[in-house]
């Protein structure tokens, strides 16, 4: 089993979790192929983390399964937008922590 972690990425955790749930339990090679054609920003980021987890274990992508892919909330970047009458409203820009674990697939014999 090997893992990869990407922390403090400028990505909404709510949107990234939708993609993470899609690939959980899939073969890594199939997951990377599926993520390549998804239009989301999260798909590109998660595919890089999956590729890193596969490489960290020294595996090939076709021989491992994604056992865990989770997205946790990171700290918000706080920004301000000027408003009427000299006031300001706060803008919260979310960040995410992405964790991916891969393990060797069980051989059917």
PDB file of N, CA and C in Angstrom:
ATOM      1  N   UNK A   1       0.840  -1.181   0.000  1.00  0.00           N
ATOM      2  CA  UNK A   1       0.000   0.000   0.000  1.00  0.00           C
ATOM      3  C   UNK A   1       0.884   1.243   0.000  1.00  0.00           C
ATOM      4  N   UNK A   2       0.519   2.210  -0.817  1.00  0.00           N
ATOM      5  CA  UNK A   2       1.242   3.472  -0.830  1.00  0.00           C
ATOM      6  C   UNK A   2       0.227   4.608  -0.863  1.00  0.00           C
ATOM      7  N   UNK A   3       0.692   5.797  -0.492  1.00  0.00           N
ATOM      8  CA  UNK A   3      -0.231   6.934  -0.447  1.00  0.00           C
ATOM      9  C   UNK A   3       0.446   8.199  -0.950  1.00  0.00           C
ATOM     10  N   UNK A   4      -0.388   9.176  -1.270  1.00  0.00           N
ATOM     11  CA  UNK A   4       0.092  10.497  -1.680  1.00  0.00           C
ATOM     12  C   UNK A   4      -0.856  11.528  -1.081  1.00  0.00           C
ATOM     13  N   UNK A   5      -0.296  12.663  -0.689  1.00  0.00           N
ATOM     14  CA  UNK A   5      -1.074  13.732  -0.061  1.00  0.00           C
ATOM     15  C   UNK A   5      -0.763  15.040  -0.774  1.00  0.00           C
ATOM     16  N   UNK A   6      -1.802  15.775  -1.107  1.00  0.00           N
ATOM     17  CA  UNK A   6      -1.652  17.122  -1.644  1.00  0.00           C
ATOM     18  C   UNK A   6      -2.395  18.053  -0.698  1.00  0.00           C
ATOM     19  N   UNK A   7      -1.678  18.998  -0.121  1.00  0.00           N
ATOM     20  CA  UNK A   7      -2.281  19.869   0.878  1.00  0.00           C
ATOM     21  C   UNK A   7      -2.331  21.312   0.379  1.00  0.00           C
ATOM     22  N   UNK A   8      -3.305  22.040   0.877  1.00  0.00           N
ATOM     23  CA  UNK A   8      -3.487  23.471   0.631  1.00  0.00           C
ATOM     24  C   UNK A   8      -3.678  23.806  -0.851  1.00  0.00           C
ATOM     25  N   UNK A   9      -4.384  22.968  -1.577  1.00  0.00           N
ATOM     26  CA  UNK A   9      -4.648  23.272  -2.975  1.00  0.00           C
ATOM     27  C   UNK A   9      -5.888  24.156  -3.079  1.00  0.00           C
ATOM     28  N   UNK A  10      -5.858  25.123  -3.990  1.00  0.00           N
ATOM     29  CA  UNK A  10      -6.968  26.089  -4.146  1.00  0.00           C
ATOM     30  C   UNK A  10      -8.100  25.434  -4.914  1.00  0.00           C
ATOM     31  N   UNK A  11      -8.917  24.700  -4.197  1.00  0.00           N
ATOM     32  CA  UNK A  11      -9.966  23.902  -4.794  1.00  0.00           C
ATOM     33  C   UNK A  11     -11.053  23.741  -3.755  1.00  0.00           C
ATOM     34  N   UNK A  12     -12.292  23.874  -4.157  1.00  0.00           N
ATOM     35  CA  UNK A  12     -13.398  23.707  -3.221  1.00  0.00           C
ATOM     36  C   UNK A  12     -13.528  22.242  -2.826  1.00  0.00           C
ATOM     37  N   UNK A  13     -13.517  21.928  -1.524  1.00  0.00           N
ATOM     38  CA  UNK A  13     -13.617  20.522  -1.121  1.00  0.00           C
ATOM     39  C   UNK A  13     -14.947  19.890  -1.511  1.00  0.00           C
ATOM     40  N   UNK A  14     -16.013  20.667  -1.532  1.00  0.00           N
ATOM     41  CA  UNK A  14     -17.321  20.136  -1.904  1.00  0.00           C
ATOM     42  C   UNK A  14     -17.315  19.643  -3.341  1.00  0.00           C
ATOM     43  N   UNK A  15     -16.728  20.414  -4.246  1.00  0.00           N
ATOM     44  CA  UNK A  15     -16.666  20.032  -5.653  1.00  0.00           C
ATOM     45  C   UNK A  15     -15.683  18.884  -5.873  1.00  0.00           C
ATOM     46  N   UNK A  16     -14.591  18.884  -5.118  1.00  0.00           N
ATOM     47  CA  UNK A  16     -13.579  17.841  -5.280  1.00  0.00           C
ATOM     48  C   UNK A  16     -14.080  16.497  -4.772  1.00  0.00           C
ATOM     49  N   UNK A  17     -14.935  16.499  -3.734  1.00  0.00           N
ATOM     50  CA  UNK A  17     -15.457  15.237  -3.194  1.00  0.00           C
ATOM     51  C   UNK A  17     -16.311  14.489  -4.211  1.00  0.00           C
ATOM     52  N   UNK A  18     -17.005  15.227  -5.082  1.00  0.00           N
ATOM     53  CA  UNK A  18     -17.808  14.581  -6.119  1.00  0.00           C
ATOM     54  C   UNK A  18     -16.932  13.726  -7.028  1.00  0.00           C
ATOM     55  N   UNK A  19     -15.765  14.231  -7.360  1.00  0.00           N
ATOM     56  CA  UNK A  19     -14.832  13.506  -8.222  1.00  0.00           C
ATOM     57  C   UNK A  19     -14.174  12.362  -7.449  1.00  0.00           C
ATOM     58  N   UNK A  20     -13.821  12.607  -6.181  1.00  0.00           N
ATOM     59  CA  UNK A  20     -13.149  11.590  -5.369  1.00  0.00           C
ATOM     60  C   UNK A  20     -14.036  10.364  -5.171  1.00  0.00           C
ATOM     61  N   UNK A  21     -15.334  10.576  -5.009  1.00  0.00           N
ATOM     62  CA  UNK A  21     -16.251   9.441  -4.839  1.00  0.00           C
ATOM     63  C   UNK A  21     -16.370   8.615  -6.115  1.00  0.00           C
ATOM     64  N   UNK A  22     -16.208   9.255  -7.265  1.00  0.00           N
ATOM     65  CA  UNK A  22     -16.289   8.539  -8.542  1.00  0.00           C
ATOM     66  C   UNK A  22     -15.166   7.515  -8.695  1.00  0.00           C
ATOM     67  N   UNK A  23     -13.957   7.876  -8.268  1.00  0.00           N
ATOM     68  CA  UNK A  23     -12.795   7.022  -8.541  1.00  0.00           C
ATOM     69  C   UNK A  23     -12.479   6.044  -7.417  1.00  0.00           C
ATOM     70  N   UNK A  24     -13.095   6.196  -6.256  1.00  0.00           N
ATOM     71  CA  UNK A  24     -12.783   5.321  -5.134  1.00  0.00           C
ATOM     72  C   UNK A  24     -13.165   3.882  -5.452  1.00  0.00           C
ATOM     73  N   UNK A  25     -12.229   2.966  -5.261  1.00  0.00           N
ATOM     74  CA  UNK A  25     -12.473   1.553  -5.536  1.00  0.00           C
ATOM     75  C   UNK A  25     -12.154   1.133  -6.959  1.00  0.00           C
ATOM     76  N   UNK A  26     -11.826   2.087  -7.829  1.00  0.00           N
ATOM     77  CA  UNK A  26     -11.520   1.760  -9.213  1.00  0.00           C
ATOM     78  C   UNK A  26     -10.066   1.316  -9.372  1.00  0.00           C
ATOM     79  N   UNK A  27      -9.802   0.632 -10.466  1.00  0.00           N
ATOM     80  CA  UNK A  27      -8.432   0.355 -10.875  1.00  0.00           C
ATOM     81  C   UNK A  27      -7.778   1.698 -11.198  1.00  0.00           C
ATOM     82  N   UNK A  28      -6.519   1.882 -10.845  1.00  0.00           N
ATOM     83  CA  UNK A  28      -5.854   3.176 -11.022  1.00  0.00           C
ATOM     84  C   UNK A  28      -5.765   3.582 -12.490  1.00  0.00           C
ATOM     85  N   UNK A  29      -5.527   2.617 -13.366  1.00  0.00           N
ATOM     86  CA  UNK A  29      -5.409   2.927 -14.792  1.00  0.00           C
ATOM     87  C   UNK A  29      -6.755   3.400 -15.352  1.00  0.00           C
ATOM     88  N   UNK A  30      -7.842   2.725 -14.954  1.00  0.00           N
ATOM     89  CA  UNK A  30      -9.179   3.136 -15.392  1.00  0.00           C
ATOM     90  C   UNK A  30      -9.544   4.508 -14.840  1.00  0.00           C
ATOM     91  N   UNK A  31      -9.174   4.751 -13.588  1.00  0.00           N
ATOM     92  CA  UNK A  31      -9.479   6.036 -12.950  1.00  0.00           C
ATOM     93  C   UNK A  31      -8.757   7.179 -13.655  1.00  0.00           C
ATOM     94  N   UNK A  32      -7.483   6.982 -13.984  1.00  0.00           N
ATOM     95  CA  UNK A  32      -6.724   8.021 -14.681  1.00  0.00           C
ATOM     96  C   UNK A  32      -7.305   8.290 -16.069  1.00  0.00           C
ATOM     97  N   UNK A  33      -7.767   7.232 -16.744  1.00  0.00           N
ATOM     98  CA  UNK A  33      -8.373   7.403 -18.061  1.00  0.00           C
ATOM     99  C   UNK A  33      -9.704   8.150 -17.961  1.00  0.00           C
ATOM    100  N   UNK A  34     -10.485   7.849 -16.930  1.00  0.00           N
ATOM    101  CA  UNK A  34     -11.775   8.520 -16.747  1.00  0.00           C
ATOM    102  C   UNK A  34     -11.594   9.986 -16.375  1.00  0.00           C
ATOM    103  N   UNK A  35     -10.624  10.258 -15.522  1.00  0.00           N
ATOM    104  CA  UNK A  35     -10.385  11.635 -15.063  1.00  0.00           C
ATOM    105  C   UNK A  35      -9.862  12.530 -16.181  1.00  0.00           C
ATOM    106  N   UNK A  36      -9.198  11.940 -17.150  1.00  0.00           N
ATOM    107  CA  UNK A  36      -8.622  12.718 -18.250  1.00  0.00           C
ATOM    108  C   UNK A  36      -9.704  13.448 -19.055  1.00  0.00           C
ATOM    109  N   UNK A  37     -10.898  12.863 -19.124  1.00  0.00           N
ATOM    110  CA  UNK A  37     -11.961  13.435 -19.942  1.00  0.00           C
ATOM    111  C   UNK A  37     -13.017  14.190 -19.137  1.00  0.00           C
ATOM    112  N   UNK A  38     -12.798  14.349 -17.834  1.00  0.00           N
ATOM    113  CA  UNK A  38     -13.726  15.131 -17.022  1.00  0.00           C
ATOM    114  C   UNK A  38     -13.344  16.600 -17.116  1.00  0.00           C
ATOM    115  N   UNK A  39     -14.332  17.500 -17.233  1.00  0.00           N
ATOM    116  CA  UNK A  39     -14.031  18.914 -17.434  1.00  0.00           C
ATOM    117  C   UNK A  39     -13.693  19.681 -16.155  1.00  0.00           C
ATOM    118  N   UNK A  40     -13.748  19.036 -15.000  1.00  0.00           N
ATOM    119  CA  UNK A  40     -13.554  19.739 -13.736  1.00  0.00           C
ATOM    120  C   UNK A  40     -12.089  20.005 -13.441  1.00  0.00           C
ATOM    121  N   UNK A  41     -11.835  21.077 -12.702  1.00  0.00           N
ATOM    122  CA  UNK A  41     -10.482  21.376 -12.232  1.00  0.00           C
ATOM    123  C   UNK A  41     -10.030  20.297 -11.256  1.00  0.00           C
ATOM    124  N   UNK A  42     -10.963  19.808 -10.441  1.00  0.00           N
ATOM    125  CA  UNK A  42     -10.648  18.792  -9.440  1.00  0.00           C
ATOM    126  C   UNK A  42     -10.172  17.497 -10.089  1.00  0.00           C
ATOM    127  N   UNK A  43     -10.701  17.164 -11.251  1.00  0.00           N
ATOM    128  CA  UNK A  43     -10.314  15.915 -11.927  1.00  0.00           C
ATOM    129  C   UNK A  43      -8.841  15.923 -12.293  1.00  0.00           C
ATOM    130  N   UNK A  44      -8.362  17.042 -12.774  1.00  0.00           N
ATOM    131  CA  UNK A  44      -6.948  17.147 -13.156  1.00  0.00           C
ATOM    132  C   UNK A  44      -6.040  17.030 -11.929  1.00  0.00           C
ATOM    133  N   UNK A  45      -6.441  17.684 -10.845  1.00  0.00           N
ATOM    134  CA  UNK A  45      -5.631  17.669  -9.623  1.00  0.00           C
ATOM    135  C   UNK A  45      -5.615  16.276  -9.007  1.00  0.00           C
ATOM    136  N   UNK A  46      -6.781  15.632  -8.920  1.00  0.00           N
ATOM    137  CA  UNK A  46      -6.867  14.302  -8.311  1.00  0.00           C
ATOM    138  C   UNK A  46      -6.118  13.268  -9.150  1.00  0.00           C
ATOM    139  N   UNK A  47      -6.130  13.419 -10.474  1.00  0.00           N
ATOM    140  CA  UNK A  47      -5.393  12.461 -11.310  1.00  0.00           C
ATOM    141  C   UNK A  47      -3.891  12.554 -11.053  1.00  0.00           C
ATOM    142  N   UNK A  48      -3.390  13.755 -10.804  1.00  0.00           N
ATOM    143  CA  UNK A  48      -1.965  13.905 -10.488  1.00  0.00           C
ATOM    144  C   UNK A  48      -1.621  13.251  -9.153  1.00  0.00           C
ATOM    145  N   UNK A  49      -2.536  13.361  -8.172  1.00  0.00           N
ATOM    146  CA  UNK A  49      -2.292  12.755  -6.861  1.00  0.00           C
ATOM    147  C   UNK A  49      -2.335  11.228  -6.972  1.00  0.00           C
ATOM    148  N   UNK A  50      -3.247  10.700  -7.776  1.00  0.00           N
ATOM    149  CA  UNK A  50      -3.317   9.251  -7.985  1.00  0.00           C
ATOM    150  C   UNK A  50      -2.041   8.757  -8.659  1.00  0.00           C
ATOM    151  N   UNK A  51      -1.578   9.473  -9.665  1.00  0.00           N
ATOM    152  CA  UNK A  51      -0.339   9.091 -10.349  1.00  0.00           C
ATOM    153  C   UNK A  51       0.846   9.126  -9.390  1.00  0.00           C
ATOM    154  N   UNK A  52       0.849  10.083  -8.484  1.00  0.00           N
ATOM    155  CA  UNK A  52       1.914  10.186  -7.488  1.00  0.00           C
ATOM    156  C   UNK A  52       1.862   9.020  -6.507  1.00  0.00           C
ATOM    157  N   UNK A  53       0.663   8.634  -6.079  1.00  0.00           N
ATOM    158  CA  UNK A  53       0.519   7.510  -5.147  1.00  0.00           C
ATOM    159  C   UNK A  53       0.987   6.202  -5.787  1.00  0.00           C
ATOM    160  N   UNK A  54       0.683   6.023  -7.062  1.00  0.00           N
ATOM    161  CA  UNK A  54       1.129   4.826  -7.787  1.00  0.00           C
ATOM    162  C   UNK A  54       2.657   4.814  -7.886  1.00  0.00           C
ATOM    163  N   UNK A  55       3.229   5.968  -8.211  1.00  0.00           N
ATOM    164  CA  UNK A  55       4.685   6.062  -8.345  1.00  0.00           C
ATOM    165  C   UNK A  55       5.396   5.906  -7.004  1.00  0.00           C
ATOM    166  N   UNK A  56       4.778   6.394  -5.922  1.00  0.00           N
ATOM    167  CA  UNK A  56       5.391   6.276  -4.592  1.00  0.00           C
ATOM    168  C   UNK A  56       5.568   4.815  -4.174  1.00  0.00           C
ATOM    169  N   UNK A  57       4.646   3.957  -4.604  1.00  0.00           N
ATOM    170  CA  UNK A  57       4.749   2.537  -4.271  1.00  0.00           C
ATOM    171  C   UNK A  57       5.605   1.752  -5.241  1.00  0.00           C
ATOM    172  N   UNK A  58       5.996   2.375  -6.344  1.00  0.00           N
ATOM    173  CA  UNK A  58       6.780   1.674  -7.353  1.00  0.00           C
ATOM    174  C   UNK A  58       5.951   0.700  -8.162  1.00  0.00           C
ATOM    175  N   UNK A  59       4.652   0.934  -8.250  1.00  0.00           N
ATOM    176  CA  UNK A  59       3.747   0.046  -8.977  1.00  0.00           C
ATOM    177  C   UNK A  59       3.534   0.542 -10.397  1.00  0.00           C
ATOM    178  N   UNK A  60       2.864  -0.303 -11.176  1.00  0.00           N
ATOM    179  CA  UNK A  60       2.315   0.110 -12.462  1.00  0.00           C
ATOM    180  C   UNK A  60       0.847   0.424 -12.230  1.00  0.00           C
ATOM    181  N   UNK A  61       0.275   1.321 -13.034  1.00  0.00           N
ATOM    182  CA  UNK A  61      -1.099   1.778 -12.808  1.00  0.00           C
ATOM    183  C   UNK A  61      -2.127   0.669 -13.004  1.00  0.00           C
ATOM    184  N   UNK A  62      -1.813  -0.346 -13.822  1.00  0.00           N
ATOM    185  CA  UNK A  62      -2.811  -1.390 -14.086  1.00  0.00           C
ATOM    186  C   UNK A  62      -2.864  -2.460 -13.000  1.00  0.00           C
ATOM    187  N   UNK A  63      -1.906  -2.454 -12.064  1.00  0.00           N
ATOM    188  CA  UNK A  63      -1.884  -3.497 -11.035  1.00  0.00           C
ATOM    189  C   UNK A  63      -2.338  -3.028  -9.658  1.00  0.00           C
ATOM    190  N   UNK A  64      -2.823  -1.789  -9.537  1.00  0.00           N
ATOM    191  CA  UNK A  64      -3.268  -1.283  -8.225  1.00  0.00           C
ATOM    192  C   UNK A  64      -4.712  -0.796  -8.282  1.00  0.00           C
ATOM    193  N   UNK A  65      -5.325  -0.761  -7.086  1.00  0.00           N
ATOM    194  CA  UNK A  65      -6.697  -0.295  -6.906  1.00  0.00           C
ATOM    195  C   UNK A  65      -6.665   0.870  -5.929  1.00  0.00           C
ATOM    196  N   UNK A  66      -7.501   1.861  -6.176  1.00  0.00           N
ATOM    197  CA  UNK A  66      -7.584   3.012  -5.267  1.00  0.00           C
ATOM    198  C   UNK A  66      -8.431   2.597  -4.074  1.00  0.00           C
ATOM    199  N   UNK A  67      -7.797   2.375  -2.932  1.00  0.00           N
ATOM    200  CA  UNK A  67      -8.533   1.934  -1.746  1.00  0.00           C
ATOM    201  C   UNK A  67      -9.198   3.097  -1.031  1.00  0.00           C
ATOM    202  N   UNK A  68      -8.559   4.255  -1.058  1.00  0.00           N
ATOM    203  CA  UNK A  68      -9.119   5.414  -0.368  1.00  0.00           C
ATOM    204  C   UNK A  68      -8.771   6.683  -1.133  1.00  0.00           C
ATOM    205  N   UNK A  69      -9.762   7.512  -1.350  1.00  0.00           N
ATOM    206  CA  UNK A  69      -9.548   8.822  -1.967  1.00  0.00           C
ATOM    207  C   UNK A  69     -10.449   9.794  -1.228  1.00  0.00           C
ATOM    208  N   UNK A  70      -9.851  10.628  -0.385  1.00  0.00           N
ATOM    209  CA  UNK A  70     -10.692  11.533   0.390  1.00  0.00           C
ATOM    210  C   UNK A  70     -10.201  12.965   0.287  1.00  0.00           C
ATOM    211  N   UNK A  71     -11.141  13.886   0.435  1.00  0.00           N
ATOM    212  CA  UNK A  71     -10.856  15.313   0.339  1.00  0.00           C
ATOM    213  C   UNK A  71     -11.316  15.970   1.625  1.00  0.00           C
ATOM    214  N   UNK A  72     -10.384  16.587   2.337  1.00  0.00           N
ATOM    215  CA  UNK A  72     -10.701  17.303   3.574  1.00  0.00           C
ATOM    216  C   UNK A  72     -10.597  18.803   3.341  1.00  0.00           C
ATOM    217  N   UNK A  73     -11.275  19.547   4.191  1.00  0.00           N
ATOM    218  CA  UNK A  73     -11.276  21.006   4.073  1.00  0.00           C
ATOM    219  C   UNK A  73      -9.992  21.574   4.662  1.00  0.00           C
ATOM    220  N   UNK A  74      -9.381  22.476   3.925  1.00  0.00           N
ATOM    221  CA  UNK A  74      -8.218  23.196   4.421  1.00  0.00           C
ATOM    222  C   UNK A  74      -8.656  24.566   4.916  1.00  0.00           C
ATOM    223  N   UNK A  75      -7.718  25.425   5.254  1.00  0.00           N
ATOM    224  CA  UNK A  75      -8.082  26.769   5.711  1.00  0.00           C
ATOM    225  C   UNK A  75      -8.601  27.624   4.557  1.00  0.00           C
ATOM    226  N   UNK A  76      -9.409  28.612   4.881  1.00  0.00           N
ATOM    227  CA  UNK A  76      -9.915  29.542   3.880  1.00  0.00           C
ATOM    228  C   UNK A  76      -8.923  30.684   3.686  1.00  0.00           C
ATOM    229  N   UNK A  77      -8.756  31.111   2.433  1.00  0.00           N
ATOM    230  CA  UNK A  77      -8.054  32.363   2.181  1.00  0.00           C
ATOM    231  C   UNK A  77      -9.099  33.457   2.303  1.00  0.00           C
ATOM    232  N   UNK A  78      -8.836  34.447   3.110  1.00  0.00           N
ATOM    233  CA  UNK A  78      -9.824  35.501   3.349  1.00  0.00           C
ATOM    234  C   UNK A  78      -9.457  36.747   2.552  1.00  0.00           C
ATOM    235  N   UNK A  79     -10.372  37.181   1.724  1.00  0.00           N
ATOM    236  CA  UNK A  79     -10.185  38.375   0.900  1.00  0.00           C
ATOM    237  C   UNK A  79     -11.364  39.312   1.130  1.00  0.00           C
ATOM    238  N   UNK A  80     -11.200  40.572   0.747  1.00  0.00           N
ATOM    239  CA  UNK A  80     -12.263  41.557   0.938  1.00  0.00           C
ATOM    240  C   UNK A  80     -12.599  42.235  -0.373  1.00  0.00           C
ATOM    241  N   UNK A  81     -13.895  42.524  -0.552  1.00  0.00           N
ATOM    242  CA  UNK A  81     -14.371  43.227  -1.727  1.00  0.00           C
ATOM    243  C   UNK A  81     -14.981  44.544  -1.272  1.00  0.00           C
ATOM    244  N   UNK A  82     -14.570  45.660  -1.863  1.00  0.00           N
ATOM    245  CA  UNK A  82     -15.162  46.941  -1.493  1.00  0.00           C
ATOM    246  C   UNK A  82     -16.642  46.990  -1.861  1.00  0.00           C
ATOM    247  N   UNK A  83     -17.437  47.568  -0.970  1.00  0.00           N
ATOM    248  CA  UNK A  83     -18.867  47.690  -1.211  1.00  0.00           C
ATOM    249  C   UNK A  83     -19.267  49.156  -1.064  1.00  0.00           C
ATOM    250  N   UNK A  84     -20.542  49.389  -1.188  1.00  0.00           N
ATOM    251  CA  UNK A  84     -21.060  50.758  -1.130  1.00  0.00           C
ATOM    252  C   UNK A  84     -20.850  51.375   0.250  1.00  0.00           C
ATOM    253  N   UNK A  85     -20.741  52.675   0.285  1.00  0.00           N
ATOM    254  CA  UNK A  85     -20.639  53.496   1.499  1.00  0.00           C
ATOM    255  C   UNK A  85     -19.416  53.142   2.345  1.00  0.00           C
ATOM    256  N   UNK A  86     -18.319  52.781   1.690  1.00  0.00           N
ATOM    257  CA  UNK A  86     -17.059  52.553   2.402  1.00  0.00           C
ATOM    258  C   UNK A  86     -16.988  51.247   3.165  1.00  0.00           C
ATOM    259  N   UNK A  87     -17.920  50.367   2.927  1.00  0.00           N
ATOM    260  CA  UNK A  87     -17.903  49.079   3.631  1.00  0.00           C
ATOM    261  C   UNK A  87     -17.138  48.044   2.816  1.00  0.00           C
ATOM    262  N   UNK A  88     -16.961  46.887   3.420  1.00  0.00           N
ATOM    263  CA  UNK A  88     -16.292  45.789   2.727  1.00  0.00           C
ATOM    264  C   UNK A  88     -17.011  44.493   3.086  1.00  0.00           C
ATOM    265  N   UNK A  89     -17.101  43.585   2.138  1.00  0.00           N
ATOM    266  CA  UNK A  89     -17.653  42.268   2.434  1.00  0.00           C
ATOM    267  C   UNK A  89     -16.555  41.231   2.230  1.00  0.00           C
ATOM    268  N   UNK A  90     -16.640  40.177   2.997  1.00  0.00           N
ATOM    269  CA  UNK A  90     -15.596  39.166   2.998  1.00  0.00           C
ATOM    270  C   UNK A  90     -15.837  38.136   1.902  1.00  0.00           C
ATOM    271  N   UNK A  91     -14.762  37.727   1.253  1.00  0.00           N
ATOM    272  CA  UNK A  91     -14.795  36.639   0.273  1.00  0.00           C
ATOM    273  C   UNK A  91     -13.951  35.514   0.853  1.00  0.00           C
ATOM    274  N   UNK A  92     -14.527  34.310   0.916  1.00  0.00           N
ATOM    275  CA  UNK A  92     -13.803  33.152   1.420  1.00  0.00           C
ATOM    276  C   UNK A  92     -13.407  32.268   0.246  1.00  0.00           C
ATOM    277  N   UNK A  93     -12.114  32.048   0.088  1.00  0.00           N
ATOM    278  CA  UNK A  93     -11.617  31.191  -0.990  1.00  0.00           C
ATOM    279  C   UNK A  93     -11.146  29.884  -0.347  1.00  0.00           C
ATOM    280  N   UNK A  94     -11.869  28.796  -0.593  1.00  0.00           N
ATOM    281  CA  UNK A  94     -11.573  27.541   0.103  1.00  0.00           C
ATOM    282  C   UNK A  94     -10.326  26.836  -0.431  1.00  0.00           C
ATOM    283  N   UNK A  95      -9.702  26.064   0.459  1.00  0.00           N
ATOM    284  CA  UNK A  95      -8.592  25.192   0.077  1.00  0.00           C
ATOM    285  C   UNK A  95      -8.923  23.771   0.508  1.00  0.00           C
ATOM    286  N   UNK A  96      -8.206  22.804  -0.050  1.00  0.00           N
ATOM    287  CA  UNK A  96      -8.485  21.392   0.214  1.00  0.00           C
ATOM    288  C   UNK A  96      -7.194  20.633   0.481  1.00  0.00           C
ATOM    289  N   UNK A  97      -7.357  19.523   1.207  1.00  0.00           N
ATOM    290  CA  UNK A  97      -6.292  18.546   1.378  1.00  0.00           C
ATOM    291  C   UNK A  97      -6.793  17.254   0.724  1.00  0.00           C
ATOM    292  N   UNK A  98      -6.009  16.695  -0.198  1.00  0.00           N
ATOM    293  CA  UNK A  98      -6.423  15.493  -0.925  1.00  0.00           C
ATOM    294  C   UNK A  98      -5.507  14.333  -0.529  1.00  0.00           C
ATOM    295  N   UNK A  99      -6.124  13.213  -0.084  1.00  0.00           N
ATOM    296  CA  UNK A  99      -5.398  12.015   0.336  1.00  0.00           C
ATOM    297  C   UNK A  99      -5.807  10.857  -0.564  1.00  0.00           C
ATOM    298  N   UNK A 100      -4.819  10.158  -1.118  1.00  0.00           N
ATOM    299  CA  UNK A 100      -5.103   8.996  -1.967  1.00  0.00           C
ATOM    300  C   UNK A 100      -4.250   7.838  -1.494  1.00  0.00           C
ATOM    301  N   UNK A 101      -4.891   6.676  -1.316  1.00  0.00           N
ATOM    302  CA  UNK A 101      -4.177   5.441  -0.968  1.00  0.00           C
ATOM    303  C   UNK A 101      -4.452   4.407  -2.047  1.00  0.00           C
ATOM    304  N   UNK A 102      -3.409   3.736  -2.488  1.00  0.00           N
ATOM    305  CA  UNK A 102      -3.566   2.662  -3.463  1.00  0.00           C
ATOM    306  C   UNK A 102      -2.940   1.389  -2.891  1.00  0.00           C
ATOM    307  N   UNK A 103      -3.504   0.251  -3.272  1.00  0.00           N
ATOM    308  CA  UNK A 103      -2.985  -1.046  -2.842  1.00  0.00           C
ATOM    309  C   UNK A 103      -3.011  -1.987  -4.028  1.00  0.00           C
ATOM    310  N   UNK A 104      -2.170  -3.007  -3.958  1.00  0.00           N
ATOM    311  CA  UNK A 104      -2.105  -3.960  -5.047  1.00  0.00           C
ATOM    312  C   UNK A 104      -3.421  -4.727  -5.134  1.00  0.00           C
ATOM    313  N   UNK A 105      -3.884  -4.944  -6.355  1.00  0.00           N
ATOM    314  CA  UNK A 105      -5.145  -5.659  -6.573  1.00  0.00           C
ATOM    315  C   UNK A 105      -4.975  -7.136  -6.236  1.00  0.00           C
ATOM    316  N   UNK A 106      -6.040  -7.716  -5.726  1.00  0.00           N
ATOM    317  CA  UNK A 106      -6.034  -9.155  -5.419  1.00  0.00           C
ATOM    318  C   UNK A 106      -6.112  -9.938  -6.731  1.00  0.00           C
ATOM    319  N   UNK A 107      -5.269 -10.941  -6.847  1.00  0.00           N
ATOM    320  CA  UNK A 107      -5.262 -11.782  -8.042  1.00  0.00           C
ATOM    321  C   UNK A 107      -6.335 -12.861  -7.895  1.00  0.00           C
ATOM    322  N   UNK A 108      -7.200 -12.999  -8.927  1.00  0.00           N
ATOM    323  CA  UNK A 108      -8.202 -14.057  -8.929  1.00  0.00           C
ATOM    324  C   UNK A 108      -7.564 -15.338  -9.469  1.00  0.00           C
ATOM    325  N   UNK A 109      -7.552 -16.397  -8.619  1.00  0.00           N
ATOM    326  CA  UNK A 109      -6.978 -17.641  -9.101  1.00  0.00           C
ATOM    327  C   UNK A 109      -7.931 -18.789  -8.973  1.00  0.00           C
TER     328      UNK A 109
END
